[in-house]
N, C-alpha and C. Protein backbone atom coordinates (compact mmCIF):
# COMPACT_ATOMS: atom_id res chain seq x y z
N MET A 1 36.18 79.34 79.93
CA MET A 1 36.94 80.57 79.93
C MET A 1 36.06 81.74 80.33
N LYS A 2 34.79 81.71 79.91
CA LYS A 2 33.89 82.79 80.25
C LYS A 2 33.71 82.89 81.76
N GLU A 3 33.72 81.71 82.40
CA GLU A 3 33.53 81.74 83.84
C GLU A 3 34.71 82.37 84.55
N LEU A 4 35.91 82.22 84.02
CA LEU A 4 37.09 82.83 84.63
C LEU A 4 37.05 84.35 84.53
N LEU A 5 36.47 84.87 83.47
CA LEU A 5 36.45 86.31 83.26
C LEU A 5 35.13 86.97 83.65
N LYS A 6 34.21 86.22 84.26
CA LYS A 6 32.92 86.83 84.59
C LYS A 6 33.05 87.93 85.63
N ASP A 7 34.02 87.82 86.54
CA ASP A 7 34.24 88.87 87.53
C ASP A 7 35.51 89.64 87.19
N LYS A 8 35.57 90.21 86.01
CA LYS A 8 36.79 90.89 85.58
C LYS A 8 37.05 92.18 86.33
N GLU A 9 36.07 92.70 87.08
CA GLU A 9 36.32 93.91 87.85
C GLU A 9 37.43 93.68 88.88
N HIS A 10 37.50 92.47 89.43
CA HIS A 10 38.56 92.16 90.39
C HIS A 10 39.92 92.18 89.71
N LEU A 11 39.98 91.66 88.50
CA LEU A 11 41.24 91.67 87.75
C LEU A 11 41.64 93.09 87.39
N VAL A 12 40.66 93.91 87.02
CA VAL A 12 40.95 95.31 86.68
C VAL A 12 41.46 96.04 87.92
N ARG A 13 40.83 95.82 89.07
CA ARG A 13 41.28 96.46 90.31
C ARG A 13 42.71 96.03 90.66
N MET A 14 42.97 94.73 90.54
CA MET A 14 44.30 94.23 90.83
C MET A 14 45.33 94.85 89.87
N GLY A 15 45.00 94.95 88.61
CA GLY A 15 45.89 95.55 87.62
C GLY A 15 46.13 97.02 87.92
N LEU A 16 45.08 97.76 88.31
CA LEU A 16 45.23 99.17 88.64
C LEU A 16 46.07 99.36 89.91
N LEU A 17 45.88 98.50 90.90
CA LEU A 17 46.70 98.57 92.11
C LEU A 17 48.17 98.30 91.79
N PHE A 18 48.41 97.31 90.96
CA PHE A 18 49.77 97.00 90.56
C PHE A 18 50.40 98.18 89.81
N LEU A 19 49.65 98.75 88.87
CA LEU A 19 50.14 99.89 88.10
C LEU A 19 50.37 101.09 89.02
N GLY A 20 49.45 101.35 89.96
CA GLY A 20 49.61 102.46 90.90
C GLY A 20 50.82 102.27 91.79
N GLY A 21 51.04 101.05 92.27
CA GLY A 21 52.21 100.76 93.10
C GLY A 21 53.51 100.95 92.33
N THR A 22 53.51 100.51 91.06
CA THR A 22 54.69 100.68 90.23
C THR A 22 54.98 102.16 90.00
N LEU A 23 53.96 102.95 89.73
CA LEU A 23 54.14 104.40 89.53
C LEU A 23 54.63 105.07 90.82
N ALA A 24 54.06 104.70 91.96
CA ALA A 24 54.49 105.26 93.24
C ALA A 24 55.97 104.94 93.49
N PHE A 25 56.37 103.72 93.19
CA PHE A 25 57.77 103.33 93.36
C PHE A 25 58.68 104.17 92.46
N MET A 26 58.28 104.36 91.21
CA MET A 26 59.11 105.13 90.27
C MET A 26 59.25 106.58 90.73
N VAL A 27 58.16 107.18 91.18
CA VAL A 27 58.20 108.57 91.66
C VAL A 27 59.08 108.66 92.90
N ALA A 28 58.91 107.73 93.85
CA ALA A 28 59.73 107.73 95.07
C ALA A 28 61.21 107.56 94.72
N ARG A 29 61.50 106.71 93.76
CA ARG A 29 62.89 106.50 93.35
C ARG A 29 63.49 107.77 92.76
N ILE A 30 62.72 108.48 91.96
CA ILE A 30 63.20 109.74 91.37
C ILE A 30 63.46 110.77 92.46
N ILE A 31 62.60 110.81 93.47
CA ILE A 31 62.73 111.81 94.54
C ILE A 31 63.88 111.47 95.49
N PHE A 32 64.01 110.21 95.90
CA PHE A 32 64.94 109.85 96.97
C PHE A 32 66.31 109.36 96.55
N VAL A 33 66.47 108.85 95.35
CA VAL A 33 67.77 108.34 94.93
C VAL A 33 68.60 109.49 94.38
N PRO A 34 69.80 109.73 94.94
CA PRO A 34 70.61 110.86 94.52
C PRO A 34 71.06 110.75 93.06
N LYS A 35 71.26 111.91 92.47
CA LYS A 35 71.73 111.96 91.08
C LYS A 35 73.13 111.35 91.02
N GLY A 36 73.38 110.59 90.02
CA GLY A 36 74.69 109.96 89.85
C GLY A 36 74.78 108.58 90.49
N TYR A 37 73.79 108.18 91.27
CA TYR A 37 73.83 106.85 91.88
C TYR A 37 73.62 105.80 90.81
N GLY A 38 74.46 104.79 90.82
CA GLY A 38 74.35 103.71 89.84
C GLY A 38 75.20 103.95 88.60
N MET A 39 75.77 105.14 88.47
CA MET A 39 76.61 105.42 87.30
C MET A 39 77.83 104.50 87.29
N TYR A 40 78.38 104.24 88.49
CA TYR A 40 79.55 103.37 88.61
C TYR A 40 79.20 102.19 89.52
N GLY A 41 78.17 101.48 89.22
CA GLY A 41 77.72 100.37 90.06
C GLY A 41 77.01 100.92 91.29
N GLN A 42 77.35 100.41 92.46
CA GLN A 42 76.71 100.87 93.69
C GLN A 42 77.35 102.13 94.25
N TYR A 43 78.31 102.68 93.55
CA TYR A 43 79.02 103.87 93.99
C TYR A 43 78.32 105.12 93.46
N ARG A 44 78.14 106.13 94.31
CA ARG A 44 77.52 107.38 93.89
C ARG A 44 78.63 108.35 93.48
N ALA A 45 78.57 108.80 92.25
CA ALA A 45 79.64 109.62 91.67
C ALA A 45 79.93 110.89 92.46
N GLY A 46 78.94 111.51 93.06
CA GLY A 46 79.15 112.78 93.78
C GLY A 46 79.64 112.62 95.20
N ALA A 47 79.85 111.39 95.66
CA ALA A 47 80.27 111.17 97.06
C ALA A 47 81.62 111.81 97.36
N LEU A 48 82.56 111.73 96.43
CA LEU A 48 83.87 112.33 96.67
C LEU A 48 83.78 113.85 96.79
N ASP A 49 82.99 114.47 95.94
CA ASP A 49 82.83 115.92 96.03
C ASP A 49 82.17 116.32 97.35
N ASP A 50 81.19 115.53 97.80
CA ASP A 50 80.54 115.80 99.09
C ASP A 50 81.56 115.72 100.22
N ASN A 51 82.42 114.71 100.19
CA ASN A 51 83.42 114.57 101.24
C ASN A 51 84.48 115.67 101.18
N ARG A 52 84.85 116.10 99.98
CA ARG A 52 85.83 117.18 99.85
C ARG A 52 85.30 118.50 100.40
N SER A 53 84.00 118.69 100.39
CA SER A 53 83.43 119.95 100.87
C SER A 53 83.42 120.06 102.39
N ARG A 54 83.62 118.95 103.09
CA ARG A 54 83.65 118.97 104.56
C ARG A 54 85.02 119.43 105.03
N PRO A 55 85.07 120.13 106.17
CA PRO A 55 86.38 120.56 106.69
C PRO A 55 87.19 119.35 107.18
N LEU A 56 88.50 119.45 107.10
CA LEU A 56 89.37 118.38 107.55
C LEU A 56 89.32 118.27 109.07
N SER A 57 89.35 117.05 109.56
CA SER A 57 89.37 116.81 111.00
C SER A 57 90.72 116.25 111.43
N PHE A 58 91.29 115.40 110.58
CA PHE A 58 92.53 114.73 110.93
C PHE A 58 93.70 115.38 110.21
N ALA A 59 94.80 115.55 110.92
CA ALA A 59 95.98 116.18 110.35
C ALA A 59 96.86 115.17 109.64
N GLY A 60 96.91 113.95 110.13
CA GLY A 60 97.77 112.93 109.56
C GLY A 60 99.08 112.84 110.31
N ARG A 61 99.70 111.68 110.22
CA ARG A 61 100.93 111.41 110.97
C ARG A 61 102.06 112.36 110.60
N ALA A 62 102.18 112.71 109.34
CA ALA A 62 103.28 113.58 108.90
C ALA A 62 103.20 114.94 109.59
N ALA A 63 101.99 115.48 109.75
CA ALA A 63 101.82 116.76 110.43
C ALA A 63 102.26 116.66 111.89
N CYS A 64 101.96 115.54 112.53
CA CYS A 64 102.36 115.34 113.93
C CYS A 64 103.88 115.24 114.03
N GLU A 65 104.48 114.48 113.11
CA GLU A 65 105.92 114.24 113.17
C GLU A 65 106.74 115.49 112.85
N ASP A 66 106.15 116.45 112.13
CA ASP A 66 106.87 117.70 111.85
C ASP A 66 107.28 118.41 113.13
N CYS A 67 106.39 118.40 114.12
CA CYS A 67 106.69 119.10 115.38
C CYS A 67 107.12 118.16 116.50
N HIS A 68 106.70 116.92 116.44
CA HIS A 68 106.96 115.98 117.53
C HIS A 68 107.88 114.85 117.09
N SER A 69 109.03 115.21 116.54
CA SER A 69 109.96 114.19 116.05
C SER A 69 110.50 113.34 117.18
N ASP A 70 110.57 113.89 118.40
CA ASP A 70 111.04 113.11 119.55
C ASP A 70 110.12 111.92 119.83
N ILE A 71 108.82 112.11 119.62
CA ILE A 71 107.86 111.02 119.83
C ILE A 71 108.02 109.97 118.73
N SER A 72 108.27 110.42 117.52
CA SER A 72 108.50 109.47 116.42
C SER A 72 109.70 108.59 116.72
N GLU A 73 110.75 109.19 117.25
CA GLU A 73 111.94 108.43 117.60
C GLU A 73 111.66 107.48 118.75
N ALA A 74 110.84 107.92 119.72
CA ALA A 74 110.50 107.06 120.87
C ALA A 74 109.67 105.86 120.43
N ARG A 75 108.89 106.02 119.38
CA ARG A 75 108.03 104.94 118.88
C ARG A 75 108.78 103.96 118.00
N ALA A 76 109.94 104.33 117.54
CA ALA A 76 110.71 103.47 116.62
C ALA A 76 110.95 102.10 117.25
N GLY A 77 110.65 101.05 116.50
CA GLY A 77 110.84 99.69 116.96
C GLY A 77 109.73 99.16 117.85
N SER A 78 108.76 99.98 118.13
CA SER A 78 107.64 99.58 119.00
C SER A 78 106.53 98.95 118.19
N LYS A 79 105.71 98.17 118.86
CA LYS A 79 104.53 97.64 118.20
C LYS A 79 103.52 98.75 117.92
N HIS A 80 103.65 99.87 118.60
CA HIS A 80 102.77 101.02 118.36
C HIS A 80 103.30 101.93 117.25
N ALA A 81 104.44 101.62 116.67
CA ALA A 81 105.04 102.48 115.64
C ALA A 81 104.13 102.63 114.42
N GLY A 82 103.34 101.63 114.12
CA GLY A 82 102.47 101.69 112.94
C GLY A 82 101.10 102.30 113.19
N ILE A 83 100.81 102.65 114.43
CA ILE A 83 99.49 103.21 114.76
C ILE A 83 99.55 104.72 114.58
N GLY A 84 98.57 105.27 113.91
CA GLY A 84 98.51 106.72 113.70
C GLY A 84 98.31 107.46 115.01
N CYS A 85 98.91 108.63 115.12
CA CYS A 85 98.83 109.44 116.34
C CYS A 85 97.38 109.72 116.75
N GLU A 86 96.55 110.01 115.75
CA GLU A 86 95.18 110.43 116.04
C GLU A 86 94.27 109.28 116.43
N ALA A 87 94.77 108.04 116.36
CA ALA A 87 93.99 106.91 116.85
C ALA A 87 93.81 107.02 118.36
N CYS A 88 94.81 107.55 119.05
CA CYS A 88 94.72 107.73 120.51
C CYS A 88 94.46 109.18 120.90
N HIS A 89 95.03 110.11 120.16
CA HIS A 89 94.96 111.53 120.53
C HIS A 89 93.81 112.28 119.88
N ARG A 90 92.98 111.59 119.12
CA ARG A 90 91.80 112.15 118.42
C ARG A 90 92.23 113.07 117.27
N ALA A 91 91.23 113.56 116.56
CA ALA A 91 91.48 114.41 115.39
C ALA A 91 92.18 115.70 115.80
N LEU A 92 93.27 116.01 115.10
CA LEU A 92 94.10 117.16 115.50
C LEU A 92 94.40 118.13 114.37
N ALA A 93 93.56 118.22 113.36
CA ALA A 93 93.82 119.15 112.26
C ALA A 93 93.85 120.60 112.76
N LYS A 94 92.96 120.95 113.68
CA LYS A 94 92.94 122.32 114.21
C LYS A 94 94.19 122.62 115.02
N HIS A 95 94.68 121.63 115.75
CA HIS A 95 95.93 121.81 116.50
C HIS A 95 97.10 121.99 115.54
N ALA A 96 97.13 121.22 114.46
CA ALA A 96 98.23 121.33 113.49
C ALA A 96 98.22 122.69 112.80
N GLU A 97 97.03 123.25 112.58
CA GLU A 97 96.94 124.58 111.95
C GLU A 97 97.44 125.67 112.88
N ASP A 98 97.09 125.61 114.17
CA ASP A 98 97.47 126.64 115.13
C ASP A 98 97.78 126.00 116.48
N PRO A 99 99.01 125.49 116.65
CA PRO A 99 99.36 124.77 117.88
C PRO A 99 99.26 125.60 119.15
N GLU A 100 99.48 126.90 119.04
CA GLU A 100 99.41 127.75 120.23
C GLU A 100 97.98 127.97 120.70
N LYS A 101 97.07 128.02 119.77
CA LYS A 101 95.67 128.30 120.09
C LYS A 101 94.92 127.06 120.54
N VAL A 102 95.15 125.94 119.86
CA VAL A 102 94.42 124.71 120.15
C VAL A 102 95.36 123.71 120.81
N LYS A 103 95.13 123.47 122.10
CA LYS A 103 95.94 122.52 122.85
C LYS A 103 95.14 121.23 123.03
N PRO A 104 95.64 120.12 122.51
CA PRO A 104 94.89 118.87 122.67
C PRO A 104 94.94 118.38 124.11
N VAL A 105 93.92 117.68 124.51
CA VAL A 105 93.86 117.08 125.84
C VAL A 105 94.63 115.77 125.80
N ARG A 106 95.46 115.55 126.80
CA ARG A 106 96.20 114.30 126.87
C ARG A 106 95.22 113.18 127.20
N PRO A 107 95.24 112.09 126.45
CA PRO A 107 94.26 111.03 126.68
C PRO A 107 94.50 110.29 127.99
N ASP A 108 93.42 109.80 128.57
CA ASP A 108 93.48 108.98 129.76
C ASP A 108 94.04 107.62 129.35
N ALA A 109 95.23 107.29 129.85
CA ALA A 109 95.92 106.08 129.40
C ALA A 109 95.07 104.82 129.59
N GLN A 110 94.41 104.70 130.71
CA GLN A 110 93.65 103.48 130.98
C GLN A 110 92.52 103.29 129.96
N SER A 111 91.71 104.30 129.74
CA SER A 111 90.57 104.11 128.84
C SER A 111 91.02 104.00 127.38
N VAL A 112 92.02 104.76 126.96
CA VAL A 112 92.49 104.69 125.57
C VAL A 112 93.12 103.35 125.28
N CYS A 113 93.95 102.86 126.18
CA CYS A 113 94.62 101.57 125.96
C CYS A 113 93.61 100.43 125.89
N LEU A 114 92.59 100.50 126.74
CA LEU A 114 91.62 99.41 126.79
C LEU A 114 90.73 99.35 125.56
N VAL A 115 90.65 100.42 124.81
CA VAL A 115 89.87 100.37 123.56
C VAL A 115 90.41 99.25 122.68
N CYS A 116 91.71 99.09 122.64
CA CYS A 116 92.31 98.05 121.82
C CYS A 116 92.68 96.79 122.61
N HIS A 117 93.05 96.95 123.88
CA HIS A 117 93.66 95.84 124.59
C HIS A 117 92.79 95.14 125.62
N GLU A 118 91.55 95.53 125.80
CA GLU A 118 90.68 94.80 126.72
C GLU A 118 90.32 93.46 126.09
N VAL A 119 90.18 92.44 126.92
CA VAL A 119 89.90 91.09 126.44
C VAL A 119 88.61 91.09 125.61
N ASN A 120 88.72 90.49 124.43
CA ASN A 120 87.59 90.39 123.52
C ASN A 120 87.82 89.15 122.66
N VAL A 121 86.87 88.23 122.67
CA VAL A 121 87.04 86.97 121.93
C VAL A 121 87.14 87.19 120.42
N ALA A 122 86.72 88.34 119.94
CA ALA A 122 86.75 88.61 118.50
C ALA A 122 88.15 89.02 118.02
N LYS A 123 89.06 89.32 118.95
CA LYS A 123 90.41 89.73 118.56
C LYS A 123 91.28 88.51 118.33
N PRO A 124 92.29 88.62 117.47
CA PRO A 124 93.19 87.49 117.24
C PRO A 124 93.90 87.08 118.53
N ARG A 125 94.22 85.80 118.66
CA ARG A 125 94.84 85.30 119.88
C ARG A 125 96.20 85.93 120.16
N GLY A 126 96.95 86.25 119.13
CA GLY A 126 98.28 86.82 119.32
C GLY A 126 98.26 88.29 119.71
N PHE A 127 97.10 88.92 119.67
CA PHE A 127 97.00 90.34 119.99
C PHE A 127 97.00 90.50 121.51
N PRO A 128 97.85 91.37 122.06
CA PRO A 128 97.91 91.53 123.51
C PRO A 128 96.57 92.01 124.08
N GLN A 129 95.99 91.18 124.96
CA GLN A 129 94.72 91.51 125.60
C GLN A 129 94.88 91.38 127.11
N VAL A 130 94.24 92.27 127.84
CA VAL A 130 94.34 92.22 129.30
C VAL A 130 92.97 92.33 129.94
N GLU A 131 92.88 91.75 131.11
CA GLU A 131 91.73 91.94 131.98
C GLU A 131 92.19 93.01 132.97
N PRO A 132 91.68 94.25 132.89
CA PRO A 132 92.25 95.37 133.65
C PRO A 132 92.38 95.12 135.15
N LYS A 133 91.38 94.54 135.78
CA LYS A 133 91.45 94.34 137.24
C LYS A 133 92.53 93.34 137.61
N GLU A 134 92.70 92.30 136.80
CA GLU A 134 93.73 91.29 137.08
C GLU A 134 95.11 91.78 136.69
N HIS A 135 95.21 92.51 135.60
CA HIS A 135 96.50 92.91 135.05
C HIS A 135 97.15 94.05 135.84
N ALA A 136 96.37 95.06 136.19
CA ALA A 136 96.98 96.26 136.77
C ALA A 136 96.32 96.73 138.06
N GLU A 137 95.35 95.99 138.55
CA GLU A 137 94.68 96.36 139.80
C GLU A 137 94.23 97.82 139.80
N GLU A 138 93.56 98.22 138.73
CA GLU A 138 92.97 99.57 138.61
C GLU A 138 94.00 100.69 138.42
N GLN A 139 95.26 100.37 138.25
CA GLN A 139 96.26 101.42 138.01
C GLN A 139 96.25 101.80 136.54
N PRO A 140 96.61 103.05 136.23
CA PRO A 140 96.70 103.44 134.81
C PRO A 140 97.80 102.65 134.11
N CYS A 141 97.61 102.41 132.84
CA CYS A 141 98.56 101.61 132.04
C CYS A 141 99.95 102.23 132.02
N ASN A 142 100.00 103.58 132.03
CA ASN A 142 101.31 104.23 131.93
C ASN A 142 102.09 104.19 133.24
N THR A 143 101.58 103.50 134.25
CA THR A 143 102.34 103.25 135.46
C THR A 143 103.46 102.25 135.16
N CYS A 144 103.15 101.27 134.31
CA CYS A 144 104.13 100.22 133.98
C CYS A 144 104.60 100.26 132.52
N HIS A 145 103.85 100.90 131.65
CA HIS A 145 104.17 100.91 130.22
C HIS A 145 104.30 102.34 129.71
N LEU A 146 105.22 102.53 128.78
CA LEU A 146 105.32 103.81 128.09
C LEU A 146 104.29 103.80 126.96
N PRO A 147 103.41 104.78 126.87
CA PRO A 147 102.35 104.75 125.87
C PRO A 147 102.85 104.64 124.42
N HIS A 148 103.95 105.32 124.11
CA HIS A 148 104.43 105.30 122.73
C HIS A 148 105.32 104.09 122.44
N HIS A 149 105.79 103.41 123.47
CA HIS A 149 106.63 102.22 123.31
C HIS A 149 106.30 101.29 124.49
N PRO A 150 105.14 100.62 124.44
CA PRO A 150 104.66 99.88 125.61
C PRO A 150 105.51 98.67 126.00
N GLU A 151 106.42 98.26 125.12
CA GLU A 151 107.29 97.14 125.47
C GLU A 151 108.32 97.55 126.54
N LYS A 152 108.53 98.86 126.67
CA LYS A 152 109.46 99.38 127.67
C LYS A 152 108.67 99.85 128.89
N SER A 153 109.33 99.80 130.04
CA SER A 153 108.67 100.31 131.25
C SER A 153 109.21 101.70 131.54
N PRO A 154 108.49 102.48 132.32
CA PRO A 154 108.96 103.83 132.66
C PRO A 154 110.26 103.81 133.46
N ASP A 155 110.60 102.68 134.10
CA ASP A 155 111.83 102.58 134.88
C ASP A 155 113.07 102.49 134.00
N GLU A 156 112.88 101.98 132.77
CA GLU A 156 114.01 101.87 131.84
C GLU A 156 114.38 103.25 131.34
N PRO A 157 115.64 103.50 131.09
CA PRO A 157 116.00 104.79 130.51
C PRO A 157 115.39 104.92 129.12
N ALA A 158 114.64 105.98 128.93
CA ALA A 158 113.97 106.18 127.65
C ALA A 158 113.78 107.66 127.42
N GLU A 159 113.32 107.99 126.23
CA GLU A 159 113.08 109.39 125.87
C GLU A 159 111.78 109.91 126.47
N GLU A 160 111.00 109.03 127.02
CA GLU A 160 109.65 109.40 127.40
C GLU A 160 109.39 108.94 128.82
N THR A 161 108.63 109.70 129.60
CA THR A 161 108.26 109.30 130.96
C THR A 161 106.75 109.36 131.07
N PRO A 162 106.17 108.57 131.99
CA PRO A 162 104.72 108.61 132.13
C PRO A 162 104.27 109.97 132.63
N VAL A 163 103.11 110.37 132.20
CA VAL A 163 102.61 111.69 132.58
C VAL A 163 101.23 111.56 133.21
N GLU A 164 100.90 112.55 134.00
CA GLU A 164 99.59 112.60 134.62
C GLU A 164 98.56 112.94 133.57
N VAL A 165 97.36 112.47 133.74
CA VAL A 165 96.26 112.74 132.81
C VAL A 165 95.69 114.11 133.10
N GLN A 166 95.55 114.92 132.07
CA GLN A 166 94.93 116.24 132.22
C GLN A 166 93.46 116.12 131.90
N GLN A 167 92.64 116.60 132.76
CA GLN A 167 91.19 116.53 132.52
C GLN A 167 90.64 117.88 132.16
């Protein structure tokens, strides 16, 4: 046993390094971990208050439908009826607050549609997917499909007609 402890300076150094590392970890944890973290498991209690302090970006479907009821009616029965307006038209809280002052840009049908409908092996097989060059020969999607009711074509009598993209 004496032989094991003859070089105890190495053991003391190792113990001091371990103690120093533990103290450094504790100090770093106190500095970097936000207050309230761990109170409710991995959820930080102040996260909701932090999010409430940020300005709203999205108006929500109800705000859109208040002024654009014709579009709501055009979407009825469509596979797009369940998709929120701001999924394609971007965040519109500022437009909903002052429609005359803030005019949203009409989305480019080809690029917006392809976000969801371009061929991707990760999407379910039943989900409509297209290869743009084969499907439409570089034409915008709204040449053949109504954006709010894509099952209908612009040639069919409908409440909505295809529109040019505003840049």
